[in-house]
Amino acid sequence: MKKTILEDWEFDITVVEEGRCRVGMERGDRFTCRYECPAGFCPKTMAVLHSLCEAARAGGDYRLLGGKASNRTDFCCADGVITFALTARHID
């Protein structure tokens, strides 16, 4: 596989609240990605994560979604049992 676009955003995802997760996520589990799906991340929740990542890439401000900072927000998994903290970082 040959990537043709150099990604300029990186995203850190951390489990901050856990519940009965089908893939077994626990508080403190961490994932990092740019455009690809993070290895081991819930495929059902990837649609939610992708939308939030695209908002950052487009210059969005997570505070408008209730986030704690312009580049940080919390979001629930698709099943509503796991809460993640998402931090977006622009890479120079």
PDB file of N, CA and C in Angstrom:
ATOM      1  N   MET A   1       0.846  -1.167   0.000  1.00  0.00           N
ATOM      2  CA  MET A   1       0.000   0.000   0.000  1.00  0.00           C
ATOM      3  C   MET A   1       0.897   1.236   0.000  1.00  0.00           C
ATOM      4  N   LYS A   2       0.526   2.200  -0.825  1.00  0.00           N
ATOM      5  CA  LYS A   2       1.315   3.419  -0.928  1.00  0.00           C
ATOM      6  C   LYS A   2       0.436   4.619  -0.599  1.00  0.00           C
ATOM      7  N   LYS A   3       0.742   5.288   0.509  1.00  0.00           N
ATOM      8  CA  LYS A   3      -0.013   6.481   0.884  1.00  0.00           C
ATOM      9  C   LYS A   3       0.451   7.649   0.034  1.00  0.00           C
ATOM     10  N   THR A   4      -0.508   8.414  -0.461  1.00  0.00           N
ATOM     11  CA  THR A   4      -0.171   9.542  -1.329  1.00  0.00           C
ATOM     12  C   THR A   4      -0.403  10.894  -0.660  1.00  0.00           C
ATOM     13  N   ILE A   5      -1.051  10.887   0.495  1.00  0.00           N
ATOM     14  CA  ILE A   5      -1.323  12.131   1.211  1.00  0.00           C
ATOM     15  C   ILE A   5      -0.581  12.106   2.541  1.00  0.00           C
ATOM     16  N   LEU A   6       0.149  13.153   2.826  1.00  0.00           N
ATOM     17  CA  LEU A   6       0.864  13.276   4.085  1.00  0.00           C
ATOM     18  C   LEU A   6      -0.087  13.895   5.106  1.00  0.00           C
ATOM     19  N   GLU A   7      -0.444  13.144   6.110  1.00  0.00           N
ATOM     20  CA  GLU A   7      -1.397  13.617   7.110  1.00  0.00           C
ATOM     21  C   GLU A   7      -0.754  14.648   8.026  1.00  0.00           C
ATOM     22  N   ASP A   8      -1.505  15.697   8.343  1.00  0.00           N
ATOM     23  CA  ASP A   8      -0.975  16.757   9.199  1.00  0.00           C
ATOM     24  C   ASP A   8      -1.725  16.879  10.521  1.00  0.00           C
ATOM     25  N   TRP A   9      -2.527  15.856  10.865  1.00  0.00           N
ATOM     26  CA  TRP A   9      -3.219  15.804  12.145  1.00  0.00           C
ATOM     27  C   TRP A   9      -2.988  14.443  12.782  1.00  0.00           C
ATOM     28  N   GLU A  10      -2.840  14.450  14.097  1.00  0.00           N
ATOM     29  CA  GLU A  10      -2.729  13.203  14.852  1.00  0.00           C
ATOM     30  C   GLU A  10      -3.728  13.277  16.004  1.00  0.00           C
ATOM     31  N   PHE A  11      -4.296  12.127  16.353  1.00  0.00           N
ATOM     32  CA  PHE A  11      -5.358  12.070  17.356  1.00  0.00           C
ATOM     33  C   PHE A  11      -5.019  11.049  18.426  1.00  0.00           C
ATOM     34  N   ASP A  12      -5.173  11.465  19.678  1.00  0.00           N
ATOM     35  CA  ASP A  12      -5.006  10.574  20.824  1.00  0.00           C
ATOM     36  C   ASP A  12      -6.384  10.294  21.394  1.00  0.00           C
ATOM     37  N   ILE A  13      -6.685   9.038  21.608  1.00  0.00           N
ATOM     38  CA  ILE A  13      -7.965   8.606  22.150  1.00  0.00           C
ATOM     39  C   ILE A  13      -7.670   7.795  23.403  1.00  0.00           C
ATOM     40  N   THR A  14      -8.303   8.160  24.525  1.00  0.00           N
ATOM     41  CA  THR A  14      -8.092   7.474  25.793  1.00  0.00           C
ATOM     42  C   THR A  14      -9.435   7.113  26.401  1.00  0.00           C
ATOM     43  N   VAL A  15      -9.549   5.897  26.911  1.00  0.00           N
ATOM     44  CA  VAL A  15     -10.760   5.483  27.607  1.00  0.00           C
ATOM     45  C   VAL A  15     -10.750   6.124  28.995  1.00  0.00           C
ATOM     46  N   VAL A  16     -11.789   6.933  29.297  1.00  0.00           N
ATOM     47  CA  VAL A  16     -11.860   7.596  30.598  1.00  0.00           C
ATOM     48  C   VAL A  16     -12.963   7.020  31.486  1.00  0.00           C
ATOM     49  N   GLU A  17     -13.959   6.382  30.896  1.00  0.00           N
ATOM     50  CA  GLU A  17     -15.023   5.711  31.653  1.00  0.00           C
ATOM     51  C   GLU A  17     -15.278   4.377  30.966  1.00  0.00           C
ATOM     52  N   GLU A  18     -15.332   3.316  31.744  1.00  0.00           N
ATOM     53  CA  GLU A  18     -15.547   2.004  31.134  1.00  0.00           C
ATOM     54  C   GLU A  18     -16.883   1.419  31.549  1.00  0.00           C
ATOM     55  N   GLY A  19     -17.331   0.479  30.756  1.00  0.00           N
ATOM     56  CA  GLY A  19     -18.559  -0.259  31.014  1.00  0.00           C
ATOM     57  C   GLY A  19     -18.411  -1.641  30.398  1.00  0.00           C
ATOM     58  N   ARG A  20     -19.511  -2.299  30.138  1.00  0.00           N
ATOM     59  CA  ARG A  20     -19.466  -3.640  29.537  1.00  0.00           C
ATOM     60  C   ARG A  20     -19.237  -3.516  28.039  1.00  0.00           C
ATOM     61  N   CYS A  21     -17.988  -3.500  27.655  1.00  0.00           N
ATOM     62  CA  CYS A  21     -17.570  -3.279  26.274  1.00  0.00           C
ATOM     63  C   CYS A  21     -17.405  -4.600  25.532  1.00  0.00           C
ATOM     64  N   ARG A  22     -17.927  -4.661  24.327  1.00  0.00           N
ATOM     65  CA  ARG A  22     -17.844  -5.889  23.524  1.00  0.00           C
ATOM     66  C   ARG A  22     -16.421  -6.219  23.104  1.00  0.00           C
ATOM     67  N   VAL A  23     -15.559  -5.195  22.975  1.00  0.00           N
ATOM     68  CA  VAL A  23     -14.171  -5.468  22.595  1.00  0.00           C
ATOM     69  C   VAL A  23     -13.230  -5.421  23.798  1.00  0.00           C
ATOM     70  N   GLY A  24     -13.787  -5.219  24.994  1.00  0.00           N
ATOM     71  CA  GLY A  24     -12.999  -5.315  26.223  1.00  0.00           C
ATOM     72  C   GLY A  24     -12.194  -4.096  26.598  1.00  0.00           C
ATOM     73  N   MET A  25     -12.580  -2.920  26.143  1.00  0.00           N
ATOM     74  CA  MET A  25     -11.828  -1.709  26.496  1.00  0.00           C
ATOM     75  C   MET A  25     -11.955  -1.417  27.984  1.00  0.00           C
ATOM     76  N   GLU A  26     -10.851  -0.907  28.550  1.00  0.00           N
ATOM     77  CA  GLU A  26     -10.792  -0.577  29.968  1.00  0.00           C
ATOM     78  C   GLU A  26     -10.244   0.829  30.144  1.00  0.00           C
ATOM     79  N   ARG A  27     -10.580   1.439  31.286  1.00  0.00           N
ATOM     80  CA  ARG A  27     -10.082   2.775  31.603  1.00  0.00           C
ATOM     81  C   ARG A  27      -8.560   2.801  31.446  1.00  0.00           C
ATOM     82  N   GLY A  28      -8.081   3.834  30.766  1.00  0.00           N
ATOM     83  CA  GLY A  28      -6.645   3.987  30.555  1.00  0.00           C
ATOM     84  C   GLY A  28      -6.153   3.457  29.218  1.00  0.00           C
ATOM     85  N   ASP A  29      -6.958   2.637  28.525  1.00  0.00           N
ATOM     86  CA  ASP A  29      -6.546   2.176  27.190  1.00  0.00           C
ATOM     87  C   ASP A  29      -6.369   3.389  26.288  1.00  0.00           C
ATOM     88  N   ARG A  30      -5.295   3.361  25.486  1.00  0.00           N
ATOM     89  CA  ARG A  30      -4.967   4.508  24.628  1.00  0.00           C
ATOM     90  C   ARG A  30      -4.784   4.065  23.190  1.00  0.00           C
ATOM     91  N   PHE A  31      -5.179   4.945  22.288  1.00  0.00           N
ATOM     92  CA  PHE A  31      -5.023   4.721  20.854  1.00  0.00           C
ATOM     93  C   PHE A  31      -4.515   6.019  20.241  1.00  0.00           C
ATOM     94  N   THR A  32      -3.715   5.892  19.208  1.00  0.00           N
ATOM     95  CA  THR A  32      -3.245   7.042  18.449  1.00  0.00           C
ATOM     96  C   THR A  32      -3.445   6.732  16.977  1.00  0.00           C
ATOM     97  N   CYS A  33      -3.910   7.735  16.244  1.00  0.00           N
ATOM     98  CA  CYS A  33      -4.085   7.527  14.802  1.00  0.00           C
ATOM     99  C   CYS A  33      -3.928   8.856  14.081  1.00  0.00           C
ATOM    100  N   ARG A  34      -3.823   8.760  12.800  1.00  0.00           N
ATOM    101  CA  ARG A  34      -3.869   9.938  11.936  1.00  0.00           C
ATOM    102  C   ARG A  34      -5.149   9.814  11.113  1.00  0.00           C
ATOM    103  N   TYR A  35      -5.130   9.130   9.991  1.00  0.00           N
ATOM    104  CA  TYR A  35      -6.361   8.947   9.211  1.00  0.00           C
ATOM    105  C   TYR A  35      -6.908   7.532   9.343  1.00  0.00           C
ATOM    106  N   GLU A  36      -6.025   6.589   9.580  1.00  0.00           N
ATOM    107  CA  GLU A  36      -6.417   5.175   9.618  1.00  0.00           C
ATOM    108  C   GLU A  36      -7.169   4.831  10.901  1.00  0.00           C
ATOM    109  N   CYS A  37      -7.811   3.692  10.890  1.00  0.00           N
ATOM    110  CA  CYS A  37      -8.484   3.183  12.089  1.00  0.00           C
ATOM    111  C   CYS A  37      -7.408   2.709  13.064  1.00  0.00           C
ATOM    112  N   PRO A  38      -7.495   3.104  14.332  1.00  0.00           N
ATOM    113  CA  PRO A  38      -6.511   2.623  15.296  1.00  0.00           C
ATOM    114  C   PRO A  38      -6.664   1.110  15.502  1.00  0.00           C
ATOM    115  N   ALA A  39      -5.563   0.402  15.581  1.00  0.00           N
ATOM    116  CA  ALA A  39      -5.604  -1.049  15.795  1.00  0.00           C
ATOM    117  C   ALA A  39      -6.304  -1.357  17.111  1.00  0.00           C
ATOM    118  N   GLY A  40      -7.284  -2.252  17.078  1.00  0.00           N
ATOM    119  CA  GLY A  40      -7.995  -2.671  18.265  1.00  0.00           C
ATOM    120  C   GLY A  40      -9.156  -1.772  18.659  1.00  0.00           C
ATOM    121  N   PHE A  41      -9.389  -0.694  17.905  1.00  0.00           N
ATOM    122  CA  PHE A  41     -10.479   0.220  18.230  1.00  0.00           C
ATOM    123  C   PHE A  41     -11.808  -0.371  17.763  1.00  0.00           C
ATOM    124  N   CYS A  42     -12.880  -0.020  18.460  1.00  0.00           N
ATOM    125  CA  CYS A  42     -14.207  -0.542  18.158  1.00  0.00           C
ATOM    126  C   CYS A  42     -14.669  -0.104  16.767  1.00  0.00           C
ATOM    127  N   PRO A  43     -14.966  -1.044  15.876  1.00  0.00           N
ATOM    128  CA  PRO A  43     -15.386  -0.672  14.529  1.00  0.00           C
ATOM    129  C   PRO A  43     -16.723   0.069  14.514  1.00  0.00           C
ATOM    130  N   LYS A  44     -17.588  -0.240  15.456  1.00  0.00           N
ATOM    131  CA  LYS A  44     -18.900   0.414  15.517  1.00  0.00           C
ATOM    132  C   LYS A  44     -18.756   1.893  15.904  1.00  0.00           C
ATOM    133  N   THR A  45     -17.769   2.206  16.714  1.00  0.00           N
ATOM    134  CA  THR A  45     -17.555   3.575  17.188  1.00  0.00           C
ATOM    135  C   THR A  45     -16.672   4.370  16.228  1.00  0.00           C
ATOM    136  N   MET A  46     -16.059   3.713  15.279  1.00  0.00           N
ATOM    137  CA  MET A  46     -15.170   4.401  14.340  1.00  0.00           C
ATOM    138  C   MET A  46     -15.892   5.507  13.582  1.00  0.00           C
ATOM    139  N   ALA A  47     -17.168   5.341  13.282  1.00  0.00           N
ATOM    140  CA  ALA A  47     -17.921   6.383  12.572  1.00  0.00           C
ATOM    141  C   ALA A  47     -17.994   7.658  13.406  1.00  0.00           C
ATOM    142  N   VAL A  48     -18.176   7.519  14.712  1.00  0.00           N
ATOM    143  CA  VAL A  48     -18.203   8.678  15.609  1.00  0.00           C
ATOM    144  C   VAL A  48     -16.829   9.337  15.633  1.00  0.00           C
ATOM    145  N   LEU A  49     -15.786   8.534  15.805  1.00  0.00           N
ATOM    146  CA  LEU A  49     -14.425   9.057  15.854  1.00  0.00           C
ATOM    147  C   LEU A  49     -14.063   9.762  14.554  1.00  0.00           C
ATOM    148  N   HIS A  50     -14.394   9.155  13.427  1.00  0.00           N
ATOM    149  CA  HIS A  50     -14.065   9.742  12.120  1.00  0.00           C
ATOM    150  C   HIS A  50     -14.691  11.133  11.975  1.00  0.00           C
ATOM    151  N   SER A  51     -15.949  11.269  12.380  1.00  0.00           N
ATOM    152  CA  SER A  51     -16.632  12.567  12.279  1.00  0.00           C
ATOM    153  C   SER A  51     -15.925  13.629  13.115  1.00  0.00           C
ATOM    154  N   LEU A  52     -15.519  13.269  14.325  1.00  0.00           N
ATOM    155  CA  LEU A  52     -14.823  14.222  15.196  1.00  0.00           C
ATOM    156  C   LEU A  52     -13.447  14.589  14.638  1.00  0.00           C
ATOM    157  N   CYS A  53     -12.760  13.621  14.063  1.00  0.00           N
ATOM    158  CA  CYS A  53     -11.447  13.897  13.461  1.00  0.00           C
ATOM    159  C   CYS A  53     -11.591  14.828  12.262  1.00  0.00           C
ATOM    160  N   GLU A  54     -12.613  14.601  11.451  1.00  0.00           N
ATOM    161  CA  GLU A  54     -12.846  15.466  10.287  1.00  0.00           C
ATOM    162  C   GLU A  54     -13.175  16.887  10.717  1.00  0.00           C
ATOM    163  N   ALA A  55     -13.895  17.030  11.823  1.00  0.00           N
ATOM    164  CA  ALA A  55     -14.209  18.372  12.328  1.00  0.00           C
ATOM    165  C   ALA A  55     -12.922  19.123  12.673  1.00  0.00           C
ATOM    166  N   ALA A  56     -11.970  18.458  13.306  1.00  0.00           N
ATOM    167  CA  ALA A  56     -10.690  19.105  13.633  1.00  0.00           C
ATOM    168  C   ALA A  56      -9.922  19.451  12.367  1.00  0.00           C
ATOM    169  N   ARG A  57      -9.890  18.537  11.415  1.00  0.00           N
ATOM    170  CA  ARG A  57      -9.167  18.789  10.161  1.00  0.00           C
ATOM    171  C   ARG A  57      -9.739  20.001   9.416  1.00  0.00           C
ATOM    172  N   ALA A  58     -11.032  20.235   9.579  1.00  0.00           N
ATOM    173  CA  ALA A  58     -11.691  21.346   8.889  1.00  0.00           C
ATOM    174  C   ALA A  58     -11.588  22.652   9.677  1.00  0.00           C
ATOM    175  N   GLY A  59     -10.861  22.643  10.785  1.00  0.00           N
ATOM    176  CA  GLY A  59     -10.668  23.853  11.565  1.00  0.00           C
ATOM    177  C   GLY A  59     -11.702  24.064  12.654  1.00  0.00           C
ATOM    178  N   GLY A  60     -12.457  23.023  12.961  1.00  0.00           N
ATOM    179  CA  GLY A  60     -13.496  23.121  13.977  1.00  0.00           C
ATOM    180  C   GLY A  60     -12.941  23.279  15.384  1.00  0.00           C
ATOM    181  N   ASP A  61     -13.807  23.707  16.274  1.00  0.00           N
ATOM    182  CA  ASP A  61     -13.462  23.954  17.667  1.00  0.00           C
ATOM    183  C   ASP A  61     -14.327  23.030  18.524  1.00  0.00           C
ATOM    184  N   TYR A  62     -13.712  22.101  19.224  1.00  0.00           N
ATOM    185  CA  TYR A  62     -14.460  21.128  20.020  1.00  0.00           C
ATOM    186  C   TYR A  62     -15.262  21.774  21.154  1.00  0.00           C
ATOM    187  N   ARG A  63     -14.912  23.003  21.535  1.00  0.00           N
ATOM    188  CA  ARG A  63     -15.699  23.677  22.573  1.00  0.00           C
ATOM    189  C   ARG A  63     -17.132  23.904  22.111  1.00  0.00           C
ATOM    190  N   LEU A  64     -17.345  24.013  20.810  1.00  0.00           N
ATOM    191  CA  LEU A  64     -18.701  24.183  20.275  1.00  0.00           C
ATOM    192  C   LEU A  64     -19.528  22.913  20.428  1.00  0.00           C
ATOM    193  N   LEU A  65     -18.851  21.792  20.691  1.00  0.00           N
ATOM    194  CA  LEU A  65     -19.527  20.513  20.927  1.00  0.00           C
ATOM    195  C   LEU A  65     -19.521  20.158  22.412  1.00  0.00           C
ATOM    196  N   GLY A  66     -19.153  21.114  23.264  1.00  0.00           N
ATOM    197  CA  GLY A  66     -19.087  20.863  24.694  1.00  0.00           C
ATOM    198  C   GLY A  66     -17.728  20.412  25.165  1.00  0.00           C
ATOM    199  N   GLY A  67     -16.730  20.520  24.301  1.00  0.00           N
ATOM    200  CA  GLY A  67     -15.377  20.089  24.645  1.00  0.00           C
ATOM    201  C   GLY A  67     -14.721  20.966  25.687  1.00  0.00           C
ATOM    202  N   LYS A  68     -13.656  20.446  26.280  1.00  0.00           N
ATOM    203  CA  LYS A  68     -12.937  21.153  27.338  1.00  0.00           C
ATOM    204  C   LYS A  68     -11.939  22.164  26.787  1.00  0.00           C
ATOM    205  N   ALA A  69     -11.548  21.990  25.541  1.00  0.00           N
ATOM    206  CA  ALA A  69     -10.618  22.894  24.874  1.00  0.00           C
ATOM    207  C   ALA A  69     -10.909  22.830  23.378  1.00  0.00           C
ATOM    208  N   SER A  70     -10.301  23.721  22.624  1.00  0.00           N
ATOM    209  CA  SER A  70     -10.567  23.746  21.186  1.00  0.00           C
ATOM    210  C   SER A  70     -10.144  22.446  20.502  1.00  0.00           C
ATOM    211  N   ASN A  71      -9.188  21.735  21.104  1.00  0.00           N
ATOM    212  CA  ASN A  71      -8.683  20.504  20.500  1.00  0.00           C
ATOM    213  C   ASN A  71      -8.962  19.263  21.352  1.00  0.00           C
ATOM    214  N   ARG A  72      -9.841  19.381  22.374  1.00  0.00           N
ATOM    215  CA  ARG A  72     -10.107  18.230  23.245  1.00  0.00           C
ATOM    216  C   ARG A  72     -11.595  18.128  23.563  1.00  0.00           C
ATOM    217  N   THR A  73     -12.115  16.907  23.412  1.00  0.00           N
ATOM    218  CA  THR A  73     -13.506  16.641  23.759  1.00  0.00           C
ATOM    219  C   THR A  73     -13.651  15.204  24.236  1.00  0.00           C
ATOM    220  N   ASP A  74     -14.717  14.943  24.927  1.00  0.00           N
ATOM    221  CA  ASP A  74     -15.063  13.579  25.322  1.00  0.00           C
ATOM    222  C   ASP A  74     -16.225  13.121  24.452  1.00  0.00           C
ATOM    223  N   PHE A  75     -16.276  11.826  24.156  1.00  0.00           N
ATOM    224  CA  PHE A  75     -17.392  11.288  23.391  1.00  0.00           C
ATOM    225  C   PHE A  75     -17.662   9.863  23.823  1.00  0.00           C
ATOM    226  N   CYS A  76     -18.894   9.440  23.630  1.00  0.00           N
ATOM    227  CA  CYS A  76     -19.312   8.080  23.999  1.00  0.00           C
ATOM    228  C   CYS A  76     -19.176   7.146  22.811  1.00  0.00           C
ATOM    229  N   CYS A  77     -19.010   5.889  23.131  1.00  0.00           N
ATOM    230  CA  CYS A  77     -18.990   4.878  22.089  1.00  0.00           C
ATOM    231  C   CYS A  77     -20.398   4.719  21.508  1.00  0.00           C
ATOM    232  N   ALA A  78     -20.500   4.002  20.422  1.00  0.00           N
ATOM    233  CA  ALA A  78     -21.783   3.814  19.744  1.00  0.00           C
ATOM    234  C   ALA A  78     -22.801   3.102  20.620  1.00  0.00           C
ATOM    235  N   ASP A  79     -22.345   2.290  21.568  1.00  0.00           N
ATOM    236  CA  ASP A  79     -23.251   1.582  22.474  1.00  0.00           C
ATOM    237  C   ASP A  79     -23.548   2.366  23.745  1.00  0.00           C
ATOM    238  N   GLY A  80     -22.849   3.471  23.966  1.00  0.00           N
ATOM    239  CA  GLY A  80     -23.076   4.313  25.129  1.00  0.00           C
ATOM    240  C   GLY A  80     -22.513   3.778  26.431  1.00  0.00           C
ATOM    241  N   VAL A  81     -21.546   2.864  26.366  1.00  0.00           N
ATOM    242  CA  VAL A  81     -21.005   2.280  27.598  1.00  0.00           C
ATOM    243  C   VAL A  81     -19.561   2.710  27.898  1.00  0.00           C
ATOM    244  N   ILE A  82     -18.882   3.270  26.921  1.00  0.00           N
ATOM    245  CA  ILE A  82     -17.492   3.707  27.077  1.00  0.00           C
ATOM    246  C   ILE A  82     -17.428   5.200  26.771  1.00  0.00           C
ATOM    247  N   THR A  83     -16.678   5.942  27.576  1.00  0.00           N
ATOM    248  CA  THR A  83     -16.426   7.353  27.286  1.00  0.00           C
ATOM    249  C   THR A  83     -14.953   7.512  26.965  1.00  0.00           C
ATOM    250  N   PHE A  84     -14.689   8.208  25.881  1.00  0.00           N
ATOM    251  CA  PHE A  84     -13.331   8.452  25.408  1.00  0.00           C
ATOM    252  C   PHE A  84     -13.000   9.933  25.537  1.00  0.00           C
ATOM    253  N   ALA A  85     -11.736  10.236  25.768  1.00  0.00           N
ATOM    254  CA  ALA A  85     -11.211  11.597  25.645  1.00  0.00           C
ATOM    255  C   ALA A  85     -10.452  11.632  24.326  1.00  0.00           C
ATOM    256  N   LEU A  86     -10.750  12.629  23.513  1.00  0.00           N
ATOM    257  CA  LEU A  86     -10.104  12.781  22.205  1.00  0.00           C
ATOM    258  C   LEU A  86      -9.322  14.085  22.192  1.00  0.00           C
ATOM    259  N   THR A  87      -8.056  13.991  21.833  1.00  0.00           N
ATOM    260  CA  THR A  87      -7.209  15.178  21.680  1.00  0.00           C
ATOM    261  C   THR A  87      -6.669  15.204  20.265  1.00  0.00           C
ATOM    262  N   ALA A  88      -6.861  16.336  19.586  1.00  0.00           N
ATOM    263  CA  ALA A  88      -6.376  16.515  18.214  1.00  0.00           C
ATOM    264  C   ALA A  88      -5.119  17.385  18.243  1.00  0.00           C
ATOM    265  N   ARG A  89      -4.102  16.972  17.486  1.00  0.00           N
ATOM    266  CA  ARG A  89      -2.856  17.731  17.409  1.00  0.00           C
ATOM    267  C   ARG A  89      -2.494  17.989  15.953  1.00  0.00           C
ATOM    268  N   HIS A  90      -2.308  19.258  15.619  1.00  0.00           N
ATOM    269  CA  HIS A  90      -1.847  19.576  14.276  1.00  0.00           C
ATOM    270  C   HIS A  90      -0.346  19.335  14.231  1.00  0.00           C
ATOM    271  N   ILE A  91       0.111  18.619  13.229  1.00  0.00           N
ATOM    272  CA  ILE A  91       1.528  18.284  13.072  1.00  0.00           C
ATOM    273  C   ILE A  91       2.120  19.235  12.044  1.00  0.00           C
ATOM    274  N   ASP A  92       3.176  19.925  12.448  1.00  0.00           N
ATOM    275  CA  ASP A  92       3.825  20.866  11.521  1.00  0.00           C
ATOM    276  C   ASP A  92       4.725  20.181  10.552  1.00  0.00           C
TER     277      ASP A  92
END
